Amino acid sequence: MTNRGSREQRTVPSGLACSVCLVLAVSLIAAASLTLSAWPIAAGARLAGAASTPLGKGVLLVASPSLSDPNFRQTVILICDHGSAGTLGLVLNRPTNLLLSEALSDVPSLQGTAHLLFAGGPVQPDAMLMLFRLAQEPAQARLVLDGIYLGGNRKDLERVIAKPAPAETFRAFAGYAGWGPGQLASEMAQGSWRVLPADATSIFEKNPADLWQELSDRPEPPGQIQAFNRRGASWARFIVGFDAHVPETPVAG
């Protein structure tokens, strides 16, 4: 039985540190690949029926009610890249209790705002990733789905804070969820995840505390067959850095 109204507050561990200018960390490519290749397969979950939405970039993974892994229990994950090299996603419904203005204290435009840092997943929790909803494609970013981009830079962030166009917004994530080649497919075969189409409202506007239950109750769109996008993944170019002081508090499951 699930708790529809609960909201789990999370903080992030110390050592969360990246560059002042939100520079994309190309040097993390090798480290990310090594981490993903060792990522364990979740076990013990079963969900009858094949996914009707193709698995690929720009879809949502909704955890099965029986998935008990504390890293992913009752999570909703946006797949930002998927291919033969593996899969990268961001957990959408685990806000921490840390204000982004505290994590990015050197960004004056964040001061006085209520933006929270989200726990994006258990891989590289010291790295920050930015997800933007923008009217125009930014530099140093990759399209995830229509109007939504992973990456960007400090200039994009400051503009969206100060003078956003209609519907423009952003979220910041500490860490990400990652799977090596074939690992997510194995979890899918076990019934650990349901795949649904992603939309900007679910990503940026829904209450994170209600998102998992709402999507778990949503009917699947008919007429689609599960498929895999075999395009190569190169996600580490979109991990962003910042200089921050973060209290030493463990991430809760």
Foldseek 3Di string as FASTA:
>chain_A
DDDQQDADAWFAAWLQFFALWQAQDLVCQVVVLVVQAPDDFQDDDADDDAAQDADFFQWKKFFDCRRDDFQDHRWIWHWHGFAQFWTWTFTQQHFHPAQVCQFNVVQVLSPPDRATEGAGTDAQLSWKKKKKQAPDDAPLWDDRDVRITIAHIPVVVSCCSPPGDPPIDMHMHRGIDIHGGPRVVVNSVRVGIHIAGDDPCLRPPDNSSNSSVVVVPDDHDDDGDYDGDNPDDRPSSRTTGHGHGGDRDHTGD
